Structure formats: structure tokens, C-alpha cells
């Protein structure tokens, strides 16, 4: 390798293996290297110690003898030699290799040219062996030359002849004939470099791995025809690379992964059809009716391909993929009633003891009020039980700890009940990418359960449609807690929620959220109310009674508001102390209930008198402040809507058209030791 030429990035073994089928080959430490099956803690120390002998800065130095890569011992076929282990590189290693050494700022049409230049700098031109792998066979070959511009190696069969095939027809003569048909040239990504302890072929093995990974996971056959006036790495390589590793680390919902792969497959099929159709048109000189029909079909195919490509870009974009995912989950289809019309009680228990069965029969399954014969099904897994449910079914989960790997998608009105105290009936979520519970049923009830997340990236429960009731539950969150989306309804009662790295409860515009007697604590924010000031949003209906919101990092309750300026006078600022009516109850707390359009209008014109208590305790002071801000924002929205109607020439309108009622009941809540206080606003 010429002096002064850039060195490719060191391949350091990652801690997570890329997923694949079967047990796979065994990994063995190289001379001076680290095996992936070794001690994990020792591996971390070696990777991150400051004076690491195999640091990136030392890579390529001929002062150090021996390879820095591991080796793979073939599984079940000892005739084949070992190969370099290169497919466990970390995200930052591949990122830096493509950005700094291979693609840089090239355009899509220049990818092959830039890759060829990279291979010419780092790939040994001859003298190394490799295993040529296809879906049908593996054969040992020797590289005698490299056609860099074509990204191909010139090979010959090694001696002795070694071949492993799923069929017995690949003899030495057949393989020689096949190579002659290919002019002895093979794509470099189909070659796996044979292991060599000297370190002489480390860069060759790494370079081929980068090319192989690129064409397997990054490159799309239509990329070259896309716009050529942008940085290909930034536009395509980086988002696809990050998505690949997010999928490997279970950070993408399984449904979204399936959608992405399905879209890729559809797009490839349509693109091939488009290329064949275009080739047929271009080779014909006639202006026949058939050619015109083909052109119309080609335009239709082109539109379909563009539509699929836009969907792929949505998922590849880390900021947009979750919006796409939410839309997917929101479309869950309900099964409806069972064809036979029966309703089944599903009993979940890892082991069923006689005493437990007797208690269930006495307390749950054979109640005196039950006149009809009850059909019962037994399950060992709560996820299986919920998946088997139809409209009106009940799931009773017996005491125990259940670990599930998947998402509870509940689209029918069912009841999910723990038999015992919440701490005795624990459902633990494994996997990072999916929500824990997705609810779209008309009337779902979940009670007496403890839900536990570990290392998650999605919320613990999301209500997309219908009404979901949570009662006497414990929710140990990891990211966001419970999300109530537009048009959905949540009733959360006597439950405990903690640990969310976002908000414990997120309330979207147009939703209905009732929180009664809950604890929300040790989250980043207690309760977050999304901005509803936009004209396209409906005002949420919020009831908060006797909740204890404490020890959150930020505010107990936070309202998200837009900073977009409005021509409407800000009533909340002008009459910040005069836009809410407080009603003193027997308990001495402030209450705001059923403020209709007339009351809101009076608030807006400043005609209401303020009834403020002389003294408000520190713990309950937030009740008044929250209700005041919410109603003030509602009033402002009403005035903005009235101004828009006036500009359209509508001077009189029906009350339902003029404004939307906001129901607010903030009573008896306690706010303790929240980092930023009881209530605040977040401007964006």
C-alpha cells in the first residue's frame, strides 16, 4: 500500500451479533485478538482502554505483527479453511468507513467509481484465497487479479478442489465450466477471505466486508436513477445504516419492520417490471398502439414506484418513522363477536395447582349470579390469551411473573384482570421496539396488573381509539408512560405510574382523560397536555381528582403551547387572574366544571368576577393554576375561531360552530417535590 494513502477503519468486534438463522459458525480468537464468545466485560475493557494495542491510529502499521481480526471456524465441514470474522462491526465503524474512506460526498451515480477507487487503494491484487459463497454452493478459490472498475476479482479454483453443495452435481468439471462462463470474474462481495494470522490480508477482508454490507443492506437498484444533485451518504446511506442497527437492537416496532421489508420487496418487483417495459419501448422504432399502451403502463408503474419509495423514506427517517408506525397501529381491525355468539373466559397460569383452581372456581368462574354455562380456555402466556379473544371475552391472569416478547394489540372490547394484588401478577416486556399495550377497542378494561418495561423505546400503553379503563394497576415505565391520542378516552383510577423518561401521561388534543386517585411520580414530567390551540385541533376534556403527583424531574403538569403569533388579543395575559370561575367545595379545593360557550365568552370579555381563595396550601395550589391556564387557552382558541369566521363574513353563527366546550375538573390533587414546580408551559 502506497505511503500517505488513507487507512480504512479498524474492525473492532461488537457486543451484539447480527441476527441470522441457525447456530452459525464458531468464533475463535485470533492471535492477539478477542473472541466474541469470550468474557464480555474483558472485551469492553479491551475496546475502550486508552492505550489499546489495536487502536484505530495503529491500524495498518507493519511494526506490529499478527492479525487484529478474529476467525470463523466452519460449522460441520472441517475441510474448508477458517475465514476472517468481519460481519460484527459496530455502527460507528461502518459509518466512518463509508463517510471518510469509501463514499465521502459522492453522488448516487458516482458510487461505483468511488468504491472502485477505495478497493484499488486497500485490496491486495492477488495471492490470497477466499471461499466463493452462493445460495447453492461454496467453493474454495484463489484470487489472481482484481478488476477494480467492475468490483470483481479474477479467480481460479484452488488445489485441492474443495466444494460443498446442496446438490451433488457440482463436480470439478462443472465448476470449471461455470467459471469459464463468468470469464473467471466474481463480484468481490461473494468472496469470504480465508483467515491468515500474518495480518497481511486484514485490510482486504475488511474492504470486502464493507462492499458486501453496502450492496446487501444500503444500495437500492433504483438509487442511480434518483436525483443526482445531493450528497448520497447524507441522503441515503446514513438513514439506512442507522435503521439497520436500530432493527438489530430491537428499537423498531416489529410491525414496522415487516412493513419496511414488504415495501422493499414490492418496490424491487415493480422496478424490474418497469425496466423491462422501458427496455421494450426503447428498442422499438414503431409508433404503434401497443407501444402507446406500454408507455401508459410505464407511467403507472413509475407512479407506484415513487409512492413506495416515499413510504420507504418515511420509515428510514428516524424522526418520521414513528409517525408512520403510529398510523399503522391505529389501523388495528377488531374481530367482533365470535361466530357462535359465545363469550369465553381465558385463564392464564404458568402452572395450575388444585388449590388455585378451586379459588378461581369459587370466586371468579362459578359466581351465583351466573345463570349460563361458562366456557373456559387455559393458557400459559397472557399474550396468547389476548390474541385468542373476541368481543366480550374476559382474561383472568393468575399470580406469577410472565415475560412476553411482543405487543398486546387489543382491538375488541375485552376485560383483562389480574387475580390478586398487582404486585403478585406481573407482566414483563422483552424487546425494545414495540409498545407494550396498543388499545383501539370501544371499551377495554385492564385491572389489578403490574406492567414492567425494560430498556424500551416505546411507551407502556397507548390508547388510539375507544375507551380504555385502567384500575388498580402498577405501571413501571421506561420511556413515555400512557398516551391518550386524539378521539380516544382514558379512565385511570387508583393506579401507580413511575419511571418514565418522558411524561407519565400524555394527553392529545380532542381526547378525554380522567385521572382519579392515582400516583404519578419519578418521571421526567408528570402529565403533559399537547398543544390544542391550532384551528384543526379539538379541545381535550380533562378531569384530575385526588391524584398525587410528586418527585418528577420537571413539572407536575406541563402544557405544550405554540409560539406562533396571533392577531387575536391574548386574553390569558390580559386577564390572567380573571378568566376562570372557582367554586369552593366542602373540602376547600378549587373546581372548574362544565364551562360552556356562554361562560367562556364572558371570560373573554372580562365580565366574570374572580373568586379567589385568600389562602391556598402549597400542595394544592397547582389545581387552580392548571385549570386557569387551560381555560385561558380555550378562551383564546374561541376568540381566534371567531375572528376567522368574521374574516369570512360570518357575523352570526351557531354555538357549536363558534366554539368547542372545554370540560376541566382539577380537584384535590397534591403536587409534592416536583423539580420545576406544580405547573408550567413548554413553548415550541
Foldseek 3Di string as FASTA:
>chain_A
DDPPDDDAFDFQADQFDFDDDDPFFAKDAAVVEDTSPDDPVVSVCLVPPPVRPRHRVCPPPLVDWWAHFIWTQDPPDNVDFIFTDRRRGDLVRLLCRCCPQAQPQAFLQCNLVSLLVSCVVQADAFDFKWWQDDPFKIWIWGFHGAPSSVQKTQIDGDPPTDMDGPDDPDDPVNVVVVCVVVVSIDRLLRITTGDDTGNPCNSNNNSSSSVNCCVVFFDDPCRNVPDGPGRCCVQTVVLSSVLSVCVSQQAAAPVLVVVLVVLSVVLNVLVVVLVVLVVVLVVDPDPDPVSVVSVVVSVVSVVVNVVSVVVNSQCSDPVRNVVVVVVVLLPDDAPAADPVNDAAEEEEALDDDPVNVVVCCDPPQPDPVDPDHHHYHYYHAVQVVLVPGHAAYEYEYEFDEHEDEHERRHAHAYEYEYDDAQVRAEYEYDGAHDEHYEYAYQHYEYERHEYYYDNHDDENYEYNEHEYEYENYEYAIAAEYYEYEAHYEYHYEQYEYEHHQAEPYEYEFNYEYAYYQYEAEHYQEHYEYEEQLDPVTHHYAYHYEQYEQEHHAAANYEYEYEPDDDPDDQLCVVPVQQQAEFDQDPVRATWGFFCAPVSLVCSSVRNGDGDDDPDDDQFRPLLVNVVSVSSSSQSSSLRRQQVVCVVVVNNDDDRVSSHHIYGYTRYNYTYYHHNHYHYYYHYD
